[in-house]
Amino acid sequence: MKREFEAQKEALLKEIRTVLRDVEDLYREGAERGEEETQALKAKLERKLNLAQERFQSLEERAVEQVKHHAKRADDYVNEKPYYAMGFAALAGLVVGVLLNRR
């Protein structure tokens, strides 16, 4: 699940880099190209940008769902075994306290 999320993130970043390169090309070569070529390039760029936005929204939705799922699992665990949760919280507080006192 995490590998799939990371792969989607990398694909999205790659797509964003491609869109940014196309924007730079459009900017650099805009004056040199004819009006028709410029319009075609702008349309292509808009399609790529829309695709990247859709992928980003999908990735964001999956991330939110994963966070909700893990929060629900943690809540269920704490409800099932409250003494383990209190013990873990106390241990974490002790470790943080020791680390802060060393400074």
PDB file of N, CA and C in Angstrom:
ATOM      1  N   MET A   1       0.826  -1.179   0.000  1.00  0.00           N
ATOM      2  CA  MET A   1       0.000   0.000   0.000  1.00  0.00           C
ATOM      3  C   MET A   1       0.874   1.248   0.000  1.00  0.00           C
ATOM      4  N   LYS A   2       1.908   1.244   0.838  1.00  0.00           N
ATOM      5  CA  LYS A   2       2.799   2.395   0.914  1.00  0.00           C
ATOM      6  C   LYS A   2       3.614   2.518  -0.368  1.00  0.00           C
ATOM      7  N   ARG A   3       4.038   1.373  -0.926  1.00  0.00           N
ATOM      8  CA  ARG A   3       4.806   1.404  -2.174  1.00  0.00           C
ATOM      9  C   ARG A   3       3.970   1.965  -3.310  1.00  0.00           C
ATOM     10  N   GLU A   4       2.708   1.586  -3.338  1.00  0.00           N
ATOM     11  CA  GLU A   4       1.813   2.087  -4.380  1.00  0.00           C
ATOM     12  C   GLU A   4       1.632   3.599  -4.248  1.00  0.00           C
ATOM     13  N   PHE A   5       1.486   4.069  -3.015  1.00  0.00           N
ATOM     14  CA  PHE A   5       1.347   5.502  -2.758  1.00  0.00           C
ATOM     15  C   PHE A   5       2.608   6.243  -3.192  1.00  0.00           C
ATOM     16  N   GLU A   6       3.766   5.698  -2.856  1.00  0.00           N
ATOM     17  CA  GLU A   6       5.031   6.319  -3.249  1.00  0.00           C
ATOM     18  C   GLU A   6       5.186   6.336  -4.766  1.00  0.00           C
ATOM     19  N   ALA A   7       4.777   5.260  -5.431  1.00  0.00           N
ATOM     20  CA  ALA A   7       4.866   5.211  -6.898  1.00  0.00           C
ATOM     21  C   ALA A   7       3.958   6.257  -7.522  1.00  0.00           C
ATOM     22  N   GLN A   8       2.767   6.429  -6.970  1.00  0.00           N
ATOM     23  CA  GLN A   8       1.864   7.457  -7.491  1.00  0.00           C
ATOM     24  C   GLN A   8       2.431   8.847  -7.251  1.00  0.00           C
ATOM     25  N   LYS A   9       3.053   9.035  -6.103  1.00  0.00           N
ATOM     26  CA  LYS A   9       3.651  10.333  -5.794  1.00  0.00           C
ATOM     27  C   LYS A   9       4.778  10.645  -6.773  1.00  0.00           C
ATOM     28  N   GLU A  10       5.621   9.664  -7.042  1.00  0.00           N
ATOM     29  CA  GLU A  10       6.724   9.861  -7.985  1.00  0.00           C
ATOM     30  C   GLU A  10       6.200  10.145  -9.391  1.00  0.00           C
ATOM     31  N   ALA A  11       5.154   9.435  -9.808  1.00  0.00           N
ATOM     32  CA  ALA A  11       4.573   9.666 -11.129  1.00  0.00           C
ATOM     33  C   ALA A  11       4.003  11.081 -11.229  1.00  0.00           C
ATOM     34  N   LEU A  12       3.372  11.531 -10.149  1.00  0.00           N
ATOM     35  CA  LEU A  12       2.827  12.885 -10.135  1.00  0.00           C
ATOM     36  C   LEU A  12       3.934  13.920 -10.211  1.00  0.00           C
ATOM     37  N   LEU A  13       5.000  13.719  -9.461  1.00  0.00           N
ATOM     38  CA  LEU A  13       6.121  14.661  -9.500  1.00  0.00           C
ATOM     39  C   LEU A  13       6.759  14.697 -10.883  1.00  0.00           C
ATOM     40  N   LYS A  14       6.855  13.540 -11.513  1.00  0.00           N
ATOM     41  CA  LYS A  14       7.404  13.477 -12.870  1.00  0.00           C
ATOM     42  C   LYS A  14       6.523  14.260 -13.835  1.00  0.00           C
ATOM     43  N   GLU A  15       5.216  14.089 -13.697  1.00  0.00           N
ATOM     44  CA  GLU A  15       4.265  14.810 -14.555  1.00  0.00           C
ATOM     45  C   GLU A  15       4.370  16.318 -14.333  1.00  0.00           C
ATOM     46  N   ILE A  16       4.532  16.735 -13.094  1.00  0.00           N
ATOM     47  CA  ILE A  16       4.661  18.159 -12.788  1.00  0.00           C
ATOM     48  C   ILE A  16       5.948  18.709 -13.396  1.00  0.00           C
ATOM     49  N   ARG A  17       7.033  17.950 -13.308  1.00  0.00           N
ATOM     50  CA  ARG A  17       8.285  18.394 -13.921  1.00  0.00           C
ATOM     51  C   ARG A  17       8.126  18.551 -15.436  1.00  0.00           C
ATOM     52  N   THR A  18       7.417  17.631 -16.056  1.00  0.00           N
ATOM     53  CA  THR A  18       7.178  17.710 -17.496  1.00  0.00           C
ATOM     54  C   THR A  18       6.368  18.957 -17.843  1.00  0.00           C
ATOM     55  N   VAL A  19       5.343  19.227 -17.061  1.00  0.00           N
ATOM     56  CA  VAL A  19       4.520  20.417 -17.300  1.00  0.00           C
ATOM     57  C   VAL A  19       5.364  21.680 -17.145  1.00  0.00           C
ATOM     58  N   LEU A  20       6.198  21.713 -16.127  1.00  0.00           N
ATOM     59  CA  LEU A  20       7.042  22.891 -15.917  1.00  0.00           C
ATOM     60  C   LEU A  20       8.034  23.079 -17.067  1.00  0.00           C
ATOM     61  N   ARG A  21       8.587  21.985 -17.574  1.00  0.00           N
ATOM     62  CA  ARG A  21       9.482  22.086 -18.731  1.00  0.00           C
ATOM     63  C   ARG A  21       8.742  22.633 -19.941  1.00  0.00           C
ATOM     64  N   ASP A  22       7.514  22.167 -20.134  1.00  0.00           N
ATOM     65  CA  ASP A  22       6.716  22.657 -21.254  1.00  0.00           C
ATOM     66  C   ASP A  22       6.396  24.139 -21.104  1.00  0.00           C
ATOM     67  N   VAL A  23       6.139  24.572 -19.884  1.00  0.00           N
ATOM     68  CA  VAL A  23       5.886  25.997 -19.645  1.00  0.00           C
ATOM     69  C   VAL A  23       7.128  26.813 -19.986  1.00  0.00           C
ATOM     70  N   GLU A  24       8.288  26.332 -19.570  1.00  0.00           N
ATOM     71  CA  GLU A  24       9.531  27.029 -19.896  1.00  0.00           C
ATOM     72  C   GLU A  24       9.744  27.095 -21.399  1.00  0.00           C
ATOM     73  N   ASP A  25       9.481  25.985 -22.093  1.00  0.00           N
ATOM     74  CA  ASP A  25       9.607  25.969 -23.555  1.00  0.00           C
ATOM     75  C   ASP A  25       8.656  26.964 -24.198  1.00  0.00           C
ATOM     76  N   LEU A  26       7.431  26.992 -23.717  1.00  0.00           N
ATOM     77  CA  LEU A  26       6.443  27.917 -24.255  1.00  0.00           C
ATOM     78  C   LEU A  26       6.895  29.359 -24.050  1.00  0.00           C
ATOM     79  N   TYR A  27       7.428  29.637 -22.902  1.00  0.00           N
ATOM     80  CA  TYR A  27       7.889  30.986 -22.601  1.00  0.00           C
ATOM     81  C   TYR A  27       9.074  31.376 -23.494  1.00  0.00           C
ATOM     82  N   ARG A  28      10.068  30.479 -23.594  1.00  0.00           N
ATOM     83  CA  ARG A  28      11.262  30.776 -24.382  1.00  0.00           C
ATOM     84  C   ARG A  28      10.978  30.896 -25.876  1.00  0.00           C
ATOM     85  N   GLU A  29      10.159  30.004 -26.367  1.00  0.00           N
ATOM     86  CA  GLU A  29       9.960  29.928 -27.808  1.00  0.00           C
ATOM     87  C   GLU A  29       8.674  30.599 -28.272  1.00  0.00           C
ATOM     88  N   GLY A  30       7.952  31.227 -27.366  1.00  0.00           N
ATOM     89  CA  GLY A  30       6.676  31.841 -27.710  1.00  0.00           C
ATOM     90  C   GLY A  30       6.798  32.911 -28.778  1.00  0.00           C
ATOM     91  N   ALA A  31       7.804  33.714 -28.697  1.00  0.00           N
ATOM     92  CA  ALA A  31       7.972  34.792 -29.668  1.00  0.00           C
ATOM     93  C   ALA A  31       8.410  34.262 -31.024  1.00  0.00           C
ATOM     94  N   GLU A  32       9.121  33.172 -31.045  1.00  0.00           N
ATOM     95  CA  GLU A  32       9.649  32.626 -32.292  1.00  0.00           C
ATOM     96  C   GLU A  32       8.608  31.823 -33.064  1.00  0.00           C
ATOM     97  N   ARG A  33       7.635  31.280 -32.411  1.00  0.00           N
ATOM     98  CA  ARG A  33       6.662  30.409 -33.057  1.00  0.00           C
ATOM     99  C   ARG A  33       5.520  31.229 -33.644  1.00  0.00           C
ATOM    100  N   GLY A  34       4.851  30.609 -34.557  1.00  0.00           N
ATOM    101  CA  GLY A  34       3.667  31.226 -35.135  1.00  0.00           C
ATOM    102  C   GLY A  34       2.502  31.123 -34.170  1.00  0.00           C
ATOM    103  N   GLU A  35       1.473  31.890 -34.462  1.00  0.00           N
ATOM    104  CA  GLU A  35       0.298  31.925 -33.584  1.00  0.00           C
ATOM    105  C   GLU A  35      -0.363  30.551 -33.469  1.00  0.00           C
ATOM    106  N   GLU A  36      -0.461  29.801 -34.548  1.00  0.00           N
ATOM    107  CA  GLU A  36      -1.106  28.483 -34.518  1.00  0.00           C
ATOM    108  C   GLU A  36      -0.309  27.497 -33.675  1.00  0.00           C
ATOM    109  N   GLU A  37       1.006  27.525 -33.856  1.00  0.00           N
ATOM    110  CA  GLU A  37       1.852  26.621 -33.064  1.00  0.00           C
ATOM    111  C   GLU A  37       1.758  26.956 -31.585  1.00  0.00           C
ATOM    112  N   THR A  38       1.745  28.239 -31.278  1.00  0.00           N
ATOM    113  CA  THR A  38       1.655  28.667 -29.886  1.00  0.00           C
ATOM    114  C   THR A  38       0.338  28.203 -29.271  1.00  0.00           C
ATOM    115  N   GLN A  39      -0.756  28.346 -30.002  1.00  0.00           N
ATOM    116  CA  GLN A  39      -2.057  27.904 -29.493  1.00  0.00           C
ATOM    117  C   GLN A  39      -2.090  26.390 -29.280  1.00  0.00           C
ATOM    118  N   ALA A  40      -1.491  25.643 -30.214  1.00  0.00           N
ATOM    119  CA  ALA A  40      -1.445  24.184 -30.081  1.00  0.00           C
ATOM    120  C   ALA A  40      -0.633  23.777 -28.858  1.00  0.00           C
ATOM    121  N   LEU A  41       0.493  24.459 -28.656  1.00  0.00           N
ATOM    122  CA  LEU A  41       1.332  24.156 -27.498  1.00  0.00           C
ATOM    123  C   LEU A  41       0.615  24.516 -26.201  1.00  0.00           C
ATOM    124  N   LYS A  42      -0.098  25.625 -26.197  1.00  0.00           N
ATOM    125  CA  LYS A  42      -0.855  26.017 -25.006  1.00  0.00           C
ATOM    126  C   LYS A  42      -1.947  24.997 -24.693  1.00  0.00           C
ATOM    127  N   ALA A  43      -2.615  24.501 -25.731  1.00  0.00           N
ATOM    128  CA  ALA A  43      -3.662  23.493 -25.515  1.00  0.00           C
ATOM    129  C   ALA A  43      -3.061  22.212 -24.947  1.00  0.00           C
ATOM    130  N   LYS A  44      -1.909  21.807 -25.487  1.00  0.00           N
ATOM    131  CA  LYS A  44      -1.231  20.604 -24.992  1.00  0.00           C
ATOM    132  C   LYS A  44      -0.830  20.798 -23.532  1.00  0.00           C
ATOM    133  N   LEU A  45      -0.322  21.966 -23.231  1.00  0.00           N
ATOM    134  CA  LEU A  45       0.097  22.282 -21.868  1.00  0.00           C
ATOM    135  C   LEU A  45      -1.093  22.265 -20.916  1.00  0.00           C
ATOM    136  N   GLU A  46      -2.217  22.802 -21.342  1.00  0.00           N
ATOM    137  CA  GLU A  46      -3.411  22.807 -20.498  1.00  0.00           C
ATOM    138  C   GLU A  46      -3.886  21.379 -20.215  1.00  0.00           C
ATOM    139  N   ARG A  47      -3.833  20.514 -21.235  1.00  0.00           N
ATOM    140  CA  ARG A  47      -4.227  19.116 -21.025  1.00  0.00           C
ATOM    141  C   ARG A  47      -3.313  18.456 -19.998  1.00  0.00           C
ATOM    142  N   LYS A  48      -2.010  18.676 -20.140  1.00  0.00           N
ATOM    143  CA  LYS A  48      -1.070  18.074 -19.189  1.00  0.00           C
ATOM    144  C   LYS A  48      -1.273  18.617 -17.787  1.00  0.00           C
ATOM    145  N   LEU A  49      -1.530  19.907 -17.692  1.00  0.00           N
ATOM    146  CA  LEU A  49      -1.750  20.517 -16.384  1.00  0.00           C
ATOM    147  C   LEU A  49      -3.021  19.972 -15.746  1.00  0.00           C
ATOM    148  N   ASN A  50      -4.079  19.836 -16.527  1.00  0.00           N
ATOM    149  CA  ASN A  50      -5.325  19.267 -15.998  1.00  0.00           C
ATOM    150  C   ASN A  50      -5.124  17.829 -15.540  1.00  0.00           C
ATOM    151  N   LEU A  51      -4.375  17.055 -16.313  1.00  0.00           N
ATOM    152  CA  LEU A  51      -4.087  15.670 -15.927  1.00  0.00           C
ATOM    153  C   LEU A  51      -3.297  15.631 -14.618  1.00  0.00           C
ATOM    154  N   ALA A  52      -2.301  16.506 -14.500  1.00  0.00           N
ATOM    155  CA  ALA A  52      -1.505  16.554 -13.268  1.00  0.00           C
ATOM    156  C   ALA A  52      -2.377  16.948 -12.083  1.00  0.00           C
ATOM    157  N   GLN A  53      -3.294  17.897 -12.296  1.00  0.00           N
ATOM    158  CA  GLN A  53      -4.191  18.302 -11.212  1.00  0.00           C
ATOM    159  C   GLN A  53      -5.099  17.149 -10.789  1.00  0.00           C
ATOM    160  N   GLU A  54      -5.608  16.395 -11.770  1.00  0.00           N
ATOM    161  CA  GLU A  54      -6.460  15.258 -11.437  1.00  0.00           C
ATOM    162  C   GLU A  54      -5.683  14.207 -10.645  1.00  0.00           C
ATOM    163  N   ARG A  55      -4.459  13.948 -11.066  1.00  0.00           N
ATOM    164  CA  ARG A  55      -3.638  12.974 -10.345  1.00  0.00           C
ATOM    165  C   ARG A  55      -3.339  13.455  -8.930  1.00  0.00           C
ATOM    166  N   PHE A  56      -3.064  14.749  -8.795  1.00  0.00           N
ATOM    167  CA  PHE A  56      -2.783  15.300  -7.476  1.00  0.00           C
ATOM    168  C   PHE A  56      -4.003  15.166  -6.572  1.00  0.00           C
ATOM    169  N   GLN A  57      -5.179  15.460  -7.108  1.00  0.00           N
ATOM    170  CA  GLN A  57      -6.395  15.329  -6.306  1.00  0.00           C
ATOM    171  C   GLN A  57      -6.615  13.878  -5.886  1.00  0.00           C
ATOM    172  N   SER A  58      -6.357  12.962  -6.809  1.00  0.00           N
ATOM    173  CA  SER A  58      -6.505  11.539  -6.486  1.00  0.00           C
ATOM    174  C   SER A  58      -5.527  11.134  -5.386  1.00  0.00           C
ATOM    175  N   LEU A  59      -4.287  11.590  -5.512  1.00  0.00           N
ATOM    176  CA  LEU A  59      -3.270  11.278  -4.510  1.00  0.00           C
ATOM    177  C   LEU A  59      -3.651  11.877  -3.162  1.00  0.00           C
ATOM    178  N   GLU A  60      -4.157  13.094  -3.190  1.00  0.00           N
ATOM    179  CA  GLU A  60      -4.570  13.760  -1.952  1.00  0.00           C
ATOM    180  C   GLU A  60      -5.723  12.998  -1.295  1.00  0.00           C
ATOM    181  N   GLU A  61      -6.695  12.571  -2.097  1.00  0.00           N
ATOM    182  CA  GLU A  61      -7.829  11.820  -1.557  1.00  0.00           C
ATOM    183  C   GLU A  61      -7.374  10.503  -0.941  1.00  0.00           C
ATOM    184  N   ARG A  62      -6.443   9.822  -1.618  1.00  0.00           N
ATOM    185  CA  ARG A  62      -5.932   8.562  -1.070  1.00  0.00           C
ATOM    186  C   ARG A  62      -5.188   8.802   0.232  1.00  0.00           C
ATOM    187  N   ALA A  63      -4.416   9.885   0.299  1.00  0.00           N
ATOM    188  CA  ALA A  63      -3.674  10.190   1.525  1.00  0.00           C
ATOM    189  C   ALA A  63      -4.638  10.459   2.678  1.00  0.00           C
ATOM    190  N   VAL A  64      -5.689  11.208   2.404  1.00  0.00           N
ATOM    191  CA  VAL A  64      -6.685  11.495   3.441  1.00  0.00           C
ATOM    192  C   VAL A  64      -7.354  10.202   3.903  1.00  0.00           C
ATOM    193  N   GLU A  65      -7.699   9.339   2.956  1.00  0.00           N
ATOM    194  CA  GLU A  65      -8.322   8.065   3.315  1.00  0.00           C
ATOM    195  C   GLU A  65      -7.390   7.203   4.159  1.00  0.00           C
ATOM    196  N   GLN A  66      -6.110   7.188   3.818  1.00  0.00           N
ATOM    197  CA  GLN A  66      -5.145   6.402   4.595  1.00  0.00           C
ATOM    198  C   GLN A  66      -5.020   6.949   6.012  1.00  0.00           C
ATOM    199  N   VAL A  67      -4.969   8.266   6.141  1.00  0.00           N
ATOM    200  CA  VAL A  67      -4.864   8.870   7.468  1.00  0.00           C
ATOM    201  C   VAL A  67      -6.103   8.528   8.292  1.00  0.00           C
ATOM    202  N   LYS A  68      -7.273   8.630   7.675  1.00  0.00           N
ATOM    203  CA  LYS A  68      -8.509   8.301   8.393  1.00  0.00           C
ATOM    204  C   LYS A  68      -8.513   6.833   8.819  1.00  0.00           C
ATOM    205  N   HIS A  69      -8.071   5.963   7.907  1.00  0.00           N
ATOM    206  CA  HIS A  69      -8.045   4.527   8.211  1.00  0.00           C
ATOM    207  C   HIS A  69      -7.118   4.238   9.391  1.00  0.00           C
ATOM    208  N   HIS A  70      -5.919   4.818   9.355  1.00  0.00           N
ATOM    209  CA  HIS A  70      -4.963   4.561  10.438  1.00  0.00           C
ATOM    210  C   HIS A  70      -5.418   5.195  11.748  1.00  0.00           C
ATOM    211  N   ALA A  71      -6.053   6.344  11.674  1.00  0.00           N
ATOM    212  CA  ALA A  71      -6.582   6.970  12.890  1.00  0.00           C
ATOM    213  C   ALA A  71      -7.687   6.108  13.493  1.00  0.00           C
ATOM    214  N   LYS A  72      -8.520   5.546  12.651  1.00  0.00           N
ATOM    215  CA  LYS A  72      -9.596   4.667  13.128  1.00  0.00           C
ATOM    216  C   LYS A  72      -9.016   3.412  13.782  1.00  0.00           C
ATOM    217  N   ARG A  73      -7.973   2.851  13.136  1.00  0.00           N
ATOM    218  CA  ARG A  73      -7.341   1.657  13.719  1.00  0.00           C
ATOM    219  C   ARG A  73      -6.714   1.993  15.071  1.00  0.00           C
ATOM    220  N   ALA A  74      -6.062   3.139  15.164  1.00  0.00           N
ATOM    221  CA  ALA A  74      -5.446   3.540  16.439  1.00  0.00           C
ATOM    222  C   ALA A  74      -6.513   3.748  17.502  1.00  0.00           C
ATOM    223  N   ASP A  75      -7.625   4.377  17.117  1.00  0.00           N
ATOM    224  CA  ASP A  75      -8.714   4.604  18.056  1.00  0.00           C
ATOM    225  C   ASP A  75      -9.301   3.277  18.531  1.00  0.00           C
ATOM    226  N   ASP A  76      -9.488   2.350  17.597  1.00  0.00           N
ATOM    227  CA  ASP A  76      -9.999   1.027  17.978  1.00  0.00           C
ATOM    228  C   ASP A  76      -9.044   0.323  18.940  1.00  0.00           C
ATOM    229  N   TYR A  77      -7.762   0.416  18.656  1.00  0.00           N
ATOM    230  CA  TYR A  77      -6.772  -0.237  19.507  1.00  0.00           C
ATOM    231  C   TYR A  77      -6.791   0.353  20.911  1.00  0.00           C
ATOM    232  N   VAL A  78      -6.858   1.692  20.984  1.00  0.00           N
ATOM    233  CA  VAL A  78      -6.880   2.349  22.293  1.00  0.00           C
ATOM    234  C   VAL A  78      -8.142   1.964  23.051  1.00  0.00           C
ATOM    235  N   ASN A  79      -9.260   1.847  22.348  1.00  0.00           N
ATOM    236  CA  ASN A  79     -10.510   1.457  23.019  1.00  0.00           C
ATOM    237  C   ASN A  79     -10.468   0.008  23.495  1.00  0.00           C
ATOM    238  N   GLU A  80      -9.790  -0.852  22.727  1.00  0.00           N
ATOM    239  CA  GLU A  80      -9.698  -2.258  23.107  1.00  0.00           C
ATOM    240  C   GLU A  80      -8.715  -2.474  24.258  1.00  0.00           C
ATOM    241  N   LYS A  81      -7.612  -1.753  24.232  1.00  0.00           N
ATOM    242  CA  LYS A  81      -6.555  -1.945  25.232  1.00  0.00           C
ATOM    243  C   LYS A  81      -6.095  -0.587  25.782  1.00  0.00           C
ATOM    244  N   PRO A  82      -6.913   0.031  26.634  1.00  0.00           N
ATOM    245  CA  PRO A  82      -6.575   1.375  27.123  1.00  0.00           C
ATOM    246  C   PRO A  82      -5.321   1.398  27.998  1.00  0.00           C
ATOM    247  N   TYR A  83      -5.051   0.323  28.719  1.00  0.00           N
ATOM    248  CA  TYR A  83      -3.879   0.328  29.606  1.00  0.00           C
ATOM    249  C   TYR A  83      -2.579   0.282  28.806  1.00  0.00           C
ATOM    250  N   TYR A  84      -2.592  -0.412  27.665  1.00  0.00           N
ATOM    251  CA  TYR A  84      -1.413  -0.416  26.799  1.00  0.00           C
ATOM    252  C   TYR A  84      -1.163   0.989  26.259  1.00  0.00           C
ATOM    253  N   ALA A  85      -2.236   1.659  25.874  1.00  0.00           N
ATOM    254  CA  ALA A  85      -2.104   3.018  25.331  1.00  0.00           C
ATOM    255  C   ALA A  85      -1.567   3.972  26.392  1.00  0.00           C
ATOM    256  N   MET A  86      -2.065   3.853  27.627  1.00  0.00           N
ATOM    257  CA  MET A  86      -1.566   4.723  28.697  1.00  0.00           C
ATOM    258  C   MET A  86      -0.102   4.419  29.001  1.00  0.00           C
ATOM    259  N   GLY A  87       0.256   3.143  28.984  1.00  0.00           N
ATOM    260  CA  GLY A  87       1.642   2.763  29.221  1.00  0.00           C
ATOM    261  C   GLY A  87       2.564   3.290  28.132  1.00  0.00           C
ATOM    262  N   PHE A  88       2.124   3.181  26.905  1.00  0.00           N
ATOM    263  CA  PHE A  88       2.926   3.690  25.791  1.00  0.00           C
ATOM    264  C   PHE A  88       3.081   5.204  25.890  1.00  0.00           C
ATOM    265  N   ALA A  89       1.998   5.909  26.223  1.00  0.00           N
ATOM    266  CA  ALA A  89       2.059   7.365  26.353  1.00  0.00           C
ATOM    267  C   ALA A  89       3.005   7.762  27.495  1.00  0.00           C
ATOM    268  N   ALA A  90       2.959   7.031  28.604  1.00  0.00           N
ATOM    269  CA  ALA A  90       3.852   7.315  29.735  1.00  0.00           C
ATOM    270  C   ALA A  90       5.304   7.071  29.345  1.00  0.00           C
ATOM    271  N   LEU A  91       5.553   5.980  28.646  1.00  0.00           N
ATOM    272  CA  LEU A  91       6.908   5.677  28.193  1.00  0.00           C
ATOM    273  C   LEU A  91       7.414   6.742  27.226  1.00  0.00           C
ATOM    274  N   ALA A  92       6.570   7.159  26.300  1.00  0.00           N
ATOM    275  CA  ALA A  92       6.956   8.211  25.349  1.00  0.00           C
ATOM    276  C   ALA A  92       7.253   9.510  26.093  1.00  0.00           C
ATOM    277  N   GLY A  93       6.435   9.847  27.092  1.00  0.00           N
ATOM    278  CA  GLY A  93       6.671  11.054  27.896  1.00  0.00           C
ATOM    279  C   GLY A  93       7.980  10.969  28.661  1.00  0.00           C
ATOM    280  N   LEU A  94       8.293   9.803  29.187  1.00  0.00           N
ATOM    281  CA  LEU A  94       9.543   9.604  29.911  1.00  0.00           C
ATOM    282  C   LEU A  94      10.740   9.803  28.994  1.00  0.00           C
ATOM    283  N   VAL A  95      10.670   9.216  27.800  1.00  0.00           N
ATOM    284  CA  VAL A  95      11.774   9.352  26.831  1.00  0.00           C
ATOM    285  C   VAL A  95      11.954  10.800  26.430  1.00  0.00           C
ATOM    286  N   VAL A  96      10.873  11.493  26.137  1.00  0.00           N
ATOM    287  CA  VAL A  96      10.967  12.902  25.754  1.00  0.00           C
ATOM    288  C   VAL A  96      11.530  13.723  26.917  1.00  0.00           C
ATOM    289  N   GLY A  97      11.079  13.434  28.130  1.00  0.00           N
ATOM    290  CA  GLY A  97      11.575  14.166  29.309  1.00  0.00           C
ATOM    291  C   GLY A  97      13.080  13.964  29.496  1.00  0.00           C
ATOM    292  N   VAL A  98      13.550  12.736  29.356  1.00  0.00           N
ATOM    293  CA  VAL A  98      14.985  12.449  29.492  1.00  0.00           C
ATOM    294  C   VAL A  98      15.777  13.177  28.404  1.00  0.00           C
ATOM    295  N   LEU A  99      15.279  13.140  27.202  1.00  0.00           N
ATOM    296  CA  LEU A  99      15.986  13.815  26.099  1.00  0.00           C
ATOM    297  C   LEU A  99      16.031  15.318  26.273  1.00  0.00           C
ATOM    298  N   LEU A 100      14.971  15.894  26.779  1.00  0.00           N
ATOM    299  CA  LEU A 100      14.942  17.352  27.000  1.00  0.00           C
ATOM    300  C   LEU A 100      15.830  17.766  28.167  1.00  0.00           C
ATOM    301  N   ASN A 101      15.945  16.922  29.185  1.00  0.00           N
ATOM    302  CA  ASN A 101      16.782  17.249  30.334  1.00  0.00           C
ATOM    303  C   ASN A 101      18.266  17.142  30.032  1.00  0.00           C
ATOM    304  N   ARG A 102      18.631  16.439  28.985  1.00  0.00           N
ATOM    305  CA  ARG A 102      20.053  16.301  28.621  1.00  0.00           C
ATOM    306  C   ARG A 102      20.610  17.583  28.049  1.00  0.00           C
ATOM    307  N   ARG A 103      19.771  18.454  27.574  1.00  0.00           N
ATOM    308  CA  ARG A 103      20.246  19.697  26.967  1.00  0.00           C
ATOM    309  C   ARG A 103      20.754  20.576  28.001  1.00  0.00           C
TER     310      ARG A 103
END
